[in-house]
Structure formats: structure tokens, C-alpha cells
Amino acid sequence: MTTKVLLVGESWVTSETHYKGFDQFGSVHFHLGATPLVNALKGSEFELTYMTAHEAADGFPFEMEGLDEYDVIILSDIGANTLLLPPAVWLQSKTVPNRLKLIKAWVEKGGGLLMCGGYFSFQGIDGKARWRRTAVEDVLPVTCLPWDDRVEIPEGTTPDILMTDHPTISGISGEWPVMLGVNEVELRDREDIEVVARLPEDQGGHPLLVTGKAGKGRSAVWTSDIGPHWLSPAFCEWEGYGMLWKNILGWLAAKD
């Protein structure tokens, strides 16, 4: 059985200025951050649609029928503004459906939602991701801080696995590879919340992989990246990498 997954975000453009004595010139680069995940899911039962951040501004569905095409939605490294301020609103002052409320309603009627970490996930760098106190946050198993929530770990760390028998990490054994950071979040006080993995106590004990329920649907957070820079190359090349994501997506798509 095929599970349809929509990955939203994980792309960006950089603009650089190069100075050489009297002269200068500019260059622009387009980046895709989900290549390890895309490669890990190739040929699997998970059919991935990759909607880049700039495509999502107008391309993310405005109606429930569009979301119903998918079993799982992944929001990764994309701020709330991209979905709140499409061109019709930002440039033409028109009204459109609130897509954050649409995501919440979709989850509550049975969809699976995953938010992954990054500089524009949760509250993000300088607090600019702005998912705090949104309808999307309402259906996550965690809440966002009101400020810059990055936890940078340049020395590297490996997670503590608290629930070794949880379906999201089934079949994964041994020590996990190094990670370089996470977004700090706060756990909701609910019986359905399960903290599968977290950072070690000497790194703050911050949640890493958390699952929960929302209405008839399921939600989860992975507070680190899905690729570099917070995930090391060794993590992305690790044999457990693909297994981890397939397990998480399979859990989110399952029905109670």
C-alpha cells in the first residue's frame, strides 16, 4: 500500500557579493535541503511530493480536497508567513482561506503531521518562523518558545533513546551518529504525548522525537534537521537514517 507524503519547505536561495579590490560582483545559488530524505524514500512504499518553499506560497492547497490527497504532511524549515501571506494577500490585499487552520482541521479528521527542525521551524532564528500560537501549533505534541529557539551544539551530540520499543525507531540499534543542533520546544502536558528520544541531560535534555494525537489524527516532531547542517554527513549516510524516516511516516499514517 502506498503512503502519500507531502514535504513542504527545505529550500532556499542565497545571494552573495564578492569583493576583489576595486571590483565586485554578485552570485545567486538555489539550495535543496531534503536530498538525503528524498534518496532514502526512493523505491519505498512512501510516495513523496517535494514542494519547495517558494512553490508553497501559492502551491500549497487552499482547500481541504487538496490536503486529502496526502496521508502525511511534513513541514520542514519553512516559516508560517509563507502560508499566511500568499501573493493574493501580500500583493493584492485579497482574502484567502487560512491554510494553518486548514492543516489543523485536516489533522483532526485523520491526517498525519510532522514538523521537522531548522532555522525556520518552530519559532526559528530570531523568532522569525512564527509557528507559536498558530493553529498548526495546536495540533503538535509540543509548544514553541516565544523567542529564538535554536540550540547550537558545535561539539556534536548523540540522543538518548527513552522508548526503545516505540514503532518510530523499530529495528534501529546501536549508537546514533552525531547531531549539531535542535530547536528547543516545550512538551504538552497530555497522556498521549510520548517522548521517544531527547538530548542528553548535559545538553539540556531537550526533546528530539515526540509523538502525540490530535482528534482522529496523529502528529510528531523531530526537532533537528532532516539533513545538514544540524545532521552530520555521518547521520545522513547512516543505515538507520532511512529506517528512521520510514518508521516515523508509517506511524503518522497509521489509523487508530
C-alpha atoms as a PDB file:
ATOM      1  CA  MET A   1       0.000   0.000   0.000  1.00  0.00           C
ATOM      2  CA  THR A   2       1.348   3.409  -0.998  1.00  0.00           C
ATOM      3  CA  THR A   3       1.510   6.210   1.565  1.00  0.00           C
ATOM      4  CA  LYS A   4       1.400   9.666   0.007  1.00  0.00           C
ATOM      5  CA  VAL A   5       3.613  12.242   1.699  1.00  0.00           C
ATOM      6  CA  LEU A   6       3.846  15.981   1.065  1.00  0.00           C
ATOM      7  CA  LEU A   7       7.109  17.604   2.132  1.00  0.00           C
ATOM      8  CA  VAL A   8       6.817  21.402   2.323  1.00  0.00           C
ATOM      9  CA  GLY A   9       9.867  23.661   2.618  1.00  0.00           C
ATOM     10  CA  GLU A  10      13.535  22.649   2.727  1.00  0.00           C
ATOM     11  CA  SER A  11      14.722  25.054   0.032  1.00  0.00           C
ATOM     12  CA  TRP A  12      16.331  28.476  -0.010  1.00  0.00           C
ATOM     13  CA  VAL A  13      18.203  30.968  -2.166  1.00  0.00           C
ATOM     14  CA  THR A  14      21.474  32.629  -1.184  1.00  0.00           C
ATOM     15  CA  SER A  15      22.748  35.879  -2.676  1.00  0.00           C
ATOM     16  CA  GLU A  16      26.452  36.662  -2.302  1.00  0.00           C
ATOM     17  CA  THR A  17      28.584  39.686  -3.081  1.00  0.00           C
ATOM     18  CA  HIS A  18      32.226  39.055  -3.976  1.00  0.00           C
ATOM     19  CA  TYR A  19      34.785  41.840  -3.479  1.00  0.00           C
ATOM     20  CA  LYS A  20      38.083  41.792  -5.379  1.00  0.00           C
ATOM     21  CA  GLY A  21      39.955  45.028  -4.831  1.00  0.00           C
ATOM     22  CA  PHE A  22      38.177  47.793  -6.743  1.00  0.00           C
ATOM     23  CA  ASP A  23      35.671  45.400  -8.284  1.00  0.00           C
ATOM     24  CA  GLN A  24      32.703  43.423  -7.047  1.00  0.00           C
ATOM     25  CA  PHE A  25      30.166  41.013  -8.489  1.00  0.00           C
ATOM     26  CA  GLY A  26      27.204  39.021  -7.234  1.00  0.00           C
ATOM     27  CA  SER A  27      26.155  35.403  -7.403  1.00  0.00           C
ATOM     28  CA  VAL A  28      22.948  33.576  -6.525  1.00  0.00           C
ATOM     29  CA  HIS A  29      22.511  29.931  -5.531  1.00  0.00           C
ATOM     30  CA  PHE A  30      19.421  27.766  -5.082  1.00  0.00           C
ATOM     31  CA  HIS A  31      19.628  25.034  -2.439  1.00  0.00           C
ATOM     32  CA  LEU A  32      17.593  21.919  -1.685  1.00  0.00           C
ATOM     33  CA  GLY A  33      17.889  20.647   1.879  1.00  0.00           C
ATOM     34  CA  ALA A  34      15.930  17.401   1.681  1.00  0.00           C
ATOM     35  CA  THR A  35      18.098  15.387  -0.705  1.00  0.00           C
ATOM     36  CA  PRO A  36      19.025  12.746   1.918  1.00  0.00           C
ATOM     37  CA  LEU A  37      15.353  12.164   2.729  1.00  0.00           C
ATOM     38  CA  VAL A  38      14.333  12.079  -0.924  1.00  0.00           C
ATOM     39  CA  ASN A  39      17.008   9.468  -1.640  1.00  0.00           C
ATOM     40  CA  ALA A  40      16.068   7.411   1.423  1.00  0.00           C
ATOM     41  CA  LEU A  41      12.431   7.122   0.306  1.00  0.00           C
ATOM     42  CA  LYS A  42      13.110   6.241  -3.328  1.00  0.00           C
ATOM     43  CA  GLY A  43      11.584   2.915  -4.282  1.00  0.00           C
ATOM     44  CA  SER A  44       9.761   2.598  -0.966  1.00  0.00           C
ATOM     45  CA  GLU A  45       6.064   2.463  -0.149  1.00  0.00           C
ATOM     46  CA  PHE A  46       6.216   6.215   0.550  1.00  0.00           C
ATOM     47  CA  GLU A  47       5.370   8.375  -2.450  1.00  0.00           C
ATOM     48  CA  LEU A  48       6.977  11.751  -1.741  1.00  0.00           C
ATOM     49  CA  THR A  49       5.892  15.063  -3.257  1.00  0.00           C
ATOM     50  CA  TYR A  50       8.531  17.729  -2.591  1.00  0.00           C
ATOM     51  CA  MET A  51       7.048  21.251  -2.560  1.00  0.00           C
ATOM     52  CA  THR A  52       9.819  23.805  -2.175  1.00  0.00           C
ATOM     53  CA  ALA A  53       9.361  26.893  -0.007  1.00  0.00           C
ATOM     54  CA  HIS A  54       8.803  29.328  -2.872  1.00  0.00           C
ATOM     55  CA  GLU A  55       6.346  26.955  -4.554  1.00  0.00           C
ATOM     56  CA  ALA A  56       4.378  26.593  -1.317  1.00  0.00           C
ATOM     57  CA  ALA A  57       3.453  30.285  -1.186  1.00  0.00           C
ATOM     58  CA  ASP A  58       0.880  29.755  -3.936  1.00  0.00           C
ATOM     59  CA  GLY A  59       1.010  25.995  -4.485  1.00  0.00           C
ATOM     60  CA  PHE A  60       0.097  24.667  -1.039  1.00  0.00           C
ATOM     61  CA  PRO A  61      -3.606  23.748  -1.127  1.00  0.00           C
ATOM     62  CA  PHE A  62      -6.187  26.328  -0.088  1.00  0.00           C
ATOM     63  CA  GLU A  63      -8.971  23.717   0.166  1.00  0.00           C
ATOM     64  CA  MET A  64      -9.398  20.510   2.128  1.00  0.00           C
ATOM     65  CA  GLU A  65      -9.664  18.466  -1.070  1.00  0.00           C
ATOM     66  CA  GLY A  66      -6.046  19.300  -1.850  1.00  0.00           C
ATOM     67  CA  LEU A  67      -4.792  18.122   1.531  1.00  0.00           C
ATOM     68  CA  ASP A  68      -6.885  14.976   1.353  1.00  0.00           C
ATOM     69  CA  GLU A  69      -4.638  13.738  -1.459  1.00  0.00           C
ATOM     70  CA  TYR A  70      -1.961  13.029   1.161  1.00  0.00           C
ATOM     71  CA  ASP A  71      -1.634  10.760   4.162  1.00  0.00           C
ATOM     72  CA  VAL A  72       1.199  12.698   5.819  1.00  0.00           C
ATOM     73  CA  ILE A  73       2.355  16.318   5.581  1.00  0.00           C
ATOM     74  CA  ILE A  74       5.878  17.339   6.611  1.00  0.00           C
ATOM     75  CA  LEU A  75       6.581  20.996   7.411  1.00  0.00           C
ATOM     76  CA  SER A  76      10.326  21.491   7.473  1.00  0.00           C
ATOM     77  CA  ASP A  77      12.357  24.707   7.580  1.00  0.00           C
ATOM     78  CA  ILE A  78       9.550  26.922   6.302  1.00  0.00           C
ATOM     79  CA  GLY A  79       8.071  29.807   8.272  1.00  0.00           C
ATOM     80  CA  ALA A  80       4.385  30.390   8.934  1.00  0.00           C
ATOM     81  CA  ASN A  81       4.437  33.583   6.845  1.00  0.00           C
ATOM     82  CA  THR A  82       4.845  31.627   3.618  1.00  0.00           C
ATOM     83  CA  LEU A  83       1.420  30.053   4.142  1.00  0.00           C
ATOM     84  CA  LEU A  84      -0.183  33.098   5.762  1.00  0.00           C
ATOM     85  CA  LEU A  85       0.904  35.627   3.127  1.00  0.00           C
ATOM     86  CA  PRO A  86       0.475  34.242  -0.392  1.00  0.00           C
ATOM     87  CA  PRO A  87       0.743  36.775  -3.244  1.00  0.00           C
ATOM     88  CA  ALA A  88      -3.035  37.346  -3.253  1.00  0.00           C
ATOM     89  CA  VAL A  89      -2.838  38.611   0.335  1.00  0.00           C
ATOM     90  CA  TRP A  90       0.604  40.243   0.350  1.00  0.00           C
ATOM     91  CA  LEU A  91       0.402  41.970  -3.038  1.00  0.00           C
ATOM     92  CA  GLN A  92      -3.331  42.360  -3.689  1.00  0.00           C
ATOM     93  CA  SER A  93      -4.888  42.576  -0.195  1.00  0.00           C
ATOM     94  CA  LYS A  94      -7.394  39.846  -1.054  1.00  0.00           C
ATOM     95  CA  THR A  95      -8.789  37.324   1.410  1.00  0.00           C
ATOM     96  CA  VAL A  96      -7.978  33.629   1.138  1.00  0.00           C
ATOM     97  CA  PRO A  97      -8.560  30.599   3.379  1.00  0.00           C
ATOM     98  CA  ASN A  98      -6.226  30.403   6.368  1.00  0.00           C
ATOM     99  CA  ARG A  99      -4.063  27.424   5.491  1.00  0.00           C
ATOM    100  CA  LEU A 100      -2.779  26.991   9.043  1.00  0.00           C
ATOM    101  CA  LYS A 101      -6.354  26.446  10.230  1.00  0.00           C
ATOM    102  CA  LEU A 102      -6.865  24.136   7.260  1.00  0.00           C
ATOM    103  CA  ILE A 103      -3.902  21.983   8.335  1.00  0.00           C
ATOM    104  CA  LYS A 104      -5.289  21.773  11.873  1.00  0.00           C
ATOM    105  CA  ALA A 105      -8.715  20.659  10.616  1.00  0.00           C
ATOM    106  CA  TRP A 106      -7.083  18.115   8.294  1.00  0.00           C
ATOM    107  CA  VAL A 107      -5.086  16.570  11.139  1.00  0.00           C
ATOM    108  CA  GLU A 108      -8.079  16.454  13.476  1.00  0.00           C
ATOM    109  CA  LYS A 109     -10.068  14.464  10.937  1.00  0.00           C
ATOM    110  CA  GLY A 110      -7.345  11.879  10.498  1.00  0.00           C
ATOM    111  CA  GLY A 111      -4.239  13.290   8.811  1.00  0.00           C
ATOM    112  CA  GLY A 112      -0.650  12.822   9.966  1.00  0.00           C
ATOM    113  CA  LEU A 113       1.511  15.911  10.544  1.00  0.00           C
ATOM    114  CA  LEU A 114       5.265  16.061  11.131  1.00  0.00           C
ATOM    115  CA  MET A 115       7.235  19.226  11.868  1.00  0.00           C
ATOM    116  CA  CYS A 116      10.989  18.916  11.492  1.00  0.00           C
ATOM    117  CA  GLY A 117      13.547  21.318  12.890  1.00  0.00           C
ATOM    118  CA  GLY A 118      15.553  24.031  11.199  1.00  0.00           C
ATOM    119  CA  TYR A 119      16.200  27.748  11.186  1.00  0.00           C
ATOM    120  CA  PHE A 120      12.614  28.377  10.025  1.00  0.00           C
ATOM    121  CA  SER A 121      10.845  25.674  12.010  1.00  0.00           C
ATOM    122  CA  PHE A 122       9.019  26.046  15.327  1.00  0.00           C
ATOM    123  CA  GLN A 123       9.977  29.618  16.337  1.00  0.00           C
ATOM    124  CA  GLY A 124      13.293  29.604  14.499  1.00  0.00           C
ATOM    125  CA  ILE A 125      16.174  32.017  14.157  1.00  0.00           C
ATOM    126  CA  ASP A 126      15.418  35.406  15.731  1.00  0.00           C
ATOM    127  CA  GLY A 127      11.888  34.064  16.365  1.00  0.00           C
ATOM    128  CA  LYS A 128      11.031  34.578  12.687  1.00  0.00           C
ATOM    129  CA  ALA A 129       9.484  31.201  11.863  1.00  0.00           C
ATOM    130  CA  ARG A 130       6.455  32.275  13.935  1.00  0.00           C
ATOM    131  CA  TRP A 131       4.664  28.956  14.487  1.00  0.00           C
ATOM    132  CA  ARG A 132       3.963  29.847  18.122  1.00  0.00           C
ATOM    133  CA  ARG A 133       0.263  30.318  18.942  1.00  0.00           C
ATOM    134  CA  THR A 134      -0.868  29.232  15.482  1.00  0.00           C
ATOM    135  CA  ALA A 135      -3.447  26.627  14.550  1.00  0.00           C
ATOM    136  CA  VAL A 136      -0.620  24.326  13.462  1.00  0.00           C
ATOM    137  CA  GLU A 137       0.979  24.514  16.905  1.00  0.00           C
ATOM    138  CA  ASP A 138      -2.406  23.490  18.367  1.00  0.00           C
ATOM    139  CA  VAL A 139      -2.087  20.012  16.856  1.00  0.00           C
ATOM    140  CA  LEU A 140       1.591  19.431  17.647  1.00  0.00           C
ATOM    141  CA  PRO A 141       2.666  17.447  20.739  1.00  0.00           C
ATOM    142  CA  VAL A 142       4.858  20.393  21.776  1.00  0.00           C
ATOM    143  CA  THR A 143       4.609  24.173  22.007  1.00  0.00           C
ATOM    144  CA  CYS A 144       7.025  26.751  20.627  1.00  0.00           C
ATOM    145  CA  LEU A 145       9.044  29.215  22.654  1.00  0.00           C
ATOM    146  CA  PRO A 146       8.376  32.951  22.109  1.00  0.00           C
ATOM    147  CA  TRP A 147      11.973  33.694  21.072  1.00  0.00           C
ATOM    148  CA  ASP A 148      14.898  32.343  19.040  1.00  0.00           C
ATOM    149  CA  ASP A 149      14.760  28.656  19.932  1.00  0.00           C
ATOM    150  CA  ARG A 150      17.935  27.314  18.328  1.00  0.00           C
ATOM    151  CA  VAL A 151      20.201  25.093  20.399  1.00  0.00           C
ATOM    152  CA  GLU A 152      23.527  25.044  18.562  1.00  0.00           C
ATOM    153  CA  ILE A 153      25.843  22.171  19.512  1.00  0.00           C
ATOM    154  CA  PRO A 154      29.075  22.669  17.535  1.00  0.00           C
ATOM    155  CA  GLU A 155      30.842  19.959  19.556  1.00  0.00           C
ATOM    156  CA  GLY A 156      28.177  17.461  18.475  1.00  0.00           C
ATOM    157  CA  THR A 157      25.884  15.203  20.470  1.00  0.00           C
ATOM    158  CA  THR A 158      24.023  11.915  20.206  1.00  0.00           C
ATOM    159  CA  PRO A 159      20.487  11.393  21.520  1.00  0.00           C
ATOM    160  CA  ASP A 160      19.247   9.427  24.479  1.00  0.00           C
ATOM    161  CA  ILE A 161      16.595   6.930  23.365  1.00  0.00           C
ATOM    162  CA  LEU A 162      13.877   6.755  26.013  1.00  0.00           C
ATOM    163  CA  MET A 163      11.427   4.381  24.317  1.00  0.00           C
ATOM    164  CA  THR A 164      13.443   1.647  22.638  1.00  0.00           C
ATOM    165  CA  ASP A 165      10.297  -0.302  21.716  1.00  0.00           C
ATOM    166  CA  HIS A 166       8.454   2.614  20.079  1.00  0.00           C
ATOM    167  CA  PRO A 167       7.357   1.963  16.460  1.00  0.00           C
ATOM    168  CA  THR A 168       9.142   5.091  15.215  1.00  0.00           C
ATOM    169  CA  ILE A 169      12.555   3.580  15.989  1.00  0.00           C
ATOM    170  CA  SER A 170      11.760  -0.063  15.343  1.00  0.00           C
ATOM    171  CA  GLY A 171      14.768  -2.029  14.097  1.00  0.00           C
ATOM    172  CA  ILE A 172      17.285   0.712  14.896  1.00  0.00           C
ATOM    173  CA  SER A 173      20.019  -0.336  17.293  1.00  0.00           C
ATOM    174  CA  GLY A 174      23.420   0.850  18.444  1.00  0.00           C
ATOM    175  CA  GLU A 175      24.698   4.372  18.967  1.00  0.00           C
ATOM    176  CA  TRP A 176      23.257   7.074  16.748  1.00  0.00           C
ATOM    177  CA  PRO A 177      25.526   9.387  14.715  1.00  0.00           C
ATOM    178  CA  VAL A 178      26.327  12.967  15.681  1.00  0.00           C
ATOM    179  CA  MET A 179      23.873  15.862  15.506  1.00  0.00           C
ATOM    180  CA  LEU A 180      24.819  19.543  15.724  1.00  0.00           C
ATOM    181  CA  GLY A 181      21.653  21.210  16.959  1.00  0.00           C
ATOM    182  CA  VAL A 182      17.898  21.253  17.573  1.00  0.00           C
ATOM    183  CA  ASN A 183      15.035  23.664  18.098  1.00  0.00           C
ATOM    184  CA  GLU A 184      14.086  23.949  21.765  1.00  0.00           C
ATOM    185  CA  VAL A 185      10.403  23.217  22.433  1.00  0.00           C
ATOM    186  CA  GLU A 186       8.193  22.540  25.439  1.00  0.00           C
ATOM    187  CA  LEU A 187       6.198  19.341  25.904  1.00  0.00           C
ATOM    188  CA  ARG A 188       2.432  19.461  26.222  1.00  0.00           C
ATOM    189  CA  ASP A 189       1.007  18.016  29.419  1.00  0.00           C
ATOM    190  CA  ARG A 190      -1.140  15.251  27.916  1.00  0.00           C
ATOM    191  CA  GLU A 191      -1.294  11.490  28.440  1.00  0.00           C
ATOM    192  CA  ASP A 192      -0.950  10.744  24.719  1.00  0.00           C
ATOM    193  CA  ILE A 193       2.423  12.521  24.425  1.00  0.00           C
ATOM    194  CA  GLU A 194       5.378  10.145  24.053  1.00  0.00           C
ATOM    195  CA  VAL A 195       8.989  11.359  24.170  1.00  0.00           C
ATOM    196  CA  VAL A 196      10.833   8.768  22.138  1.00  0.00           C
ATOM    197  CA  ALA A 197      14.230  10.485  22.130  1.00  0.00           C
ATOM    198  CA  ARG A 198      15.843  13.567  23.631  1.00  0.00           C
ATOM    199  CA  LEU A 199      19.236  15.182  24.008  1.00  0.00           C
ATOM    200  CA  PRO A 200      21.421  14.050  26.918  1.00  0.00           C
ATOM    201  CA  GLU A 201      20.958  15.852  30.223  1.00  0.00           C
ATOM    202  CA  ASP A 202      24.316  17.611  29.852  1.00  0.00           C
ATOM    203  CA  GLN A 203      22.995  19.097  26.596  1.00  0.00           C
ATOM    204  CA  GLY A 204      19.775  20.300  28.199  1.00  0.00           C
ATOM    205  CA  GLY A 205      17.677  17.137  27.804  1.00  0.00           C
ATOM    206  CA  HIS A 206      15.679  18.836  25.029  1.00  0.00           C
ATOM    207  CA  PRO A 207      13.043  16.732  23.218  1.00  0.00           C
ATOM    208  CA  LEU A 208      14.157  15.335  19.862  1.00  0.00           C
ATOM    209  CA  LEU A 209      11.438  12.926  18.712  1.00  0.00           C
ATOM    210  CA  VAL A 210       7.961  13.331  20.214  1.00  0.00           C
ATOM    211  CA  THR A 211       4.651  11.821  19.110  1.00  0.00           C
ATOM    212  CA  GLY A 212       1.063  12.605  20.004  1.00  0.00           C
ATOM    213  CA  LYS A 213      -2.565  12.572  18.891  1.00  0.00           C
ATOM    214  CA  ALA A 214      -4.852  15.352  17.653  1.00  0.00           C
ATOM    215  CA  GLY A 215      -8.503  14.469  17.195  1.00  0.00           C
ATOM    216  CA  LYS A 216      -8.586  11.465  14.869  1.00  0.00           C
ATOM    217  CA  GLY A 217      -5.125  12.246  13.539  1.00  0.00           C
ATOM    218  CA  ARG A 218      -1.536  11.917  14.656  1.00  0.00           C
ATOM    219  CA  SER A 219       1.320  14.378  14.901  1.00  0.00           C
ATOM    220  CA  ALA A 220       5.020  14.228  15.656  1.00  0.00           C
ATOM    221  CA  VAL A 221       8.033  16.490  15.858  1.00  0.00           C
ATOM    222  CA  TRP A 222      11.671  15.859  15.032  1.00  0.00           C
ATOM    223  CA  THR A 223      13.408  18.923  16.407  1.00  0.00           C
ATOM    224  CA  SER A 224      16.662  18.554  14.478  1.00  0.00           C
ATOM    225  CA  ASP A 225      17.211  18.878  10.717  1.00  0.00           C
ATOM    226  CA  ILE A 226      16.413  16.223   8.138  1.00  0.00           C
ATOM    227  CA  GLY A 227      19.850  16.850   6.613  1.00  0.00           C
ATOM    228  CA  PRO A 228      22.861  19.138   7.038  1.00  0.00           C
ATOM    229  CA  HIS A 229      23.704  21.313   8.794  1.00  0.00           C
ATOM    230  CA  TRP A 230      22.295  20.026  12.105  1.00  0.00           C
ATOM    231  CA  LEU A 231      22.567  16.440  10.915  1.00  0.00           C
ATOM    232  CA  SER A 232      26.148  15.410  10.246  1.00  0.00           C
ATOM    233  CA  PRO A 233      27.089  13.686   6.975  1.00  0.00           C
ATOM    234  CA  ALA A 234      27.577  10.523   9.027  1.00  0.00           C
ATOM    235  CA  PHE A 235      23.957  10.737  10.212  1.00  0.00           C
ATOM    236  CA  CYS A 236      22.618  11.158   6.667  1.00  0.00           C
ATOM    237  CA  GLU A 237      24.716   8.197   5.450  1.00  0.00           C
ATOM    238  CA  TRP A 238      23.848   6.018   8.457  1.00  0.00           C
ATOM    239  CA  GLU A 239      21.966   2.800   7.709  1.00  0.00           C
ATOM    240  CA  GLY A 240      19.385   3.775  10.323  1.00  0.00           C
ATOM    241  CA  TYR A 241      18.572   7.090   8.619  1.00  0.00           C
ATOM    242  CA  GLY A 242      16.126   5.741   6.052  1.00  0.00           C
ATOM    243  CA  MET A 243      14.647   3.313   8.559  1.00  0.00           C
ATOM    244  CA  LEU A 244      14.002   6.164  10.989  1.00  0.00           C
ATOM    245  CA  TRP A 245      12.042   8.233   8.488  1.00  0.00           C
ATOM    246  CA  LYS A 246      10.067   5.296   7.158  1.00  0.00           C
ATOM    247  CA  ASN A 247       9.136   4.352  10.715  1.00  0.00           C
ATOM    248  CA  ILE A 248       8.038   7.892  11.585  1.00  0.00           C
ATOM    249  CA  LEU A 249       5.999   8.287   8.405  1.00  0.00           C
ATOM    250  CA  GLY A 250       4.454   4.852   8.868  1.00  0.00           C
ATOM    251  CA  TRP A 251       3.411   5.704  12.433  1.00  0.00           C
ATOM    252  CA  LEU A 252       1.881   9.005  11.311  1.00  0.00           C
ATOM    253  CA  ALA A 253      -0.089   7.344   8.517  1.00  0.00           C
ATOM    254  CA  ALA A 254      -1.479   4.591  10.749  1.00  0.00           C
ATOM    255  CA  LYS A 255      -5.070   4.836  11.919  1.00  0.00           C
ATOM    256  CA  ASP A 256      -6.252   4.078  15.446  1.00  0.00           C
END
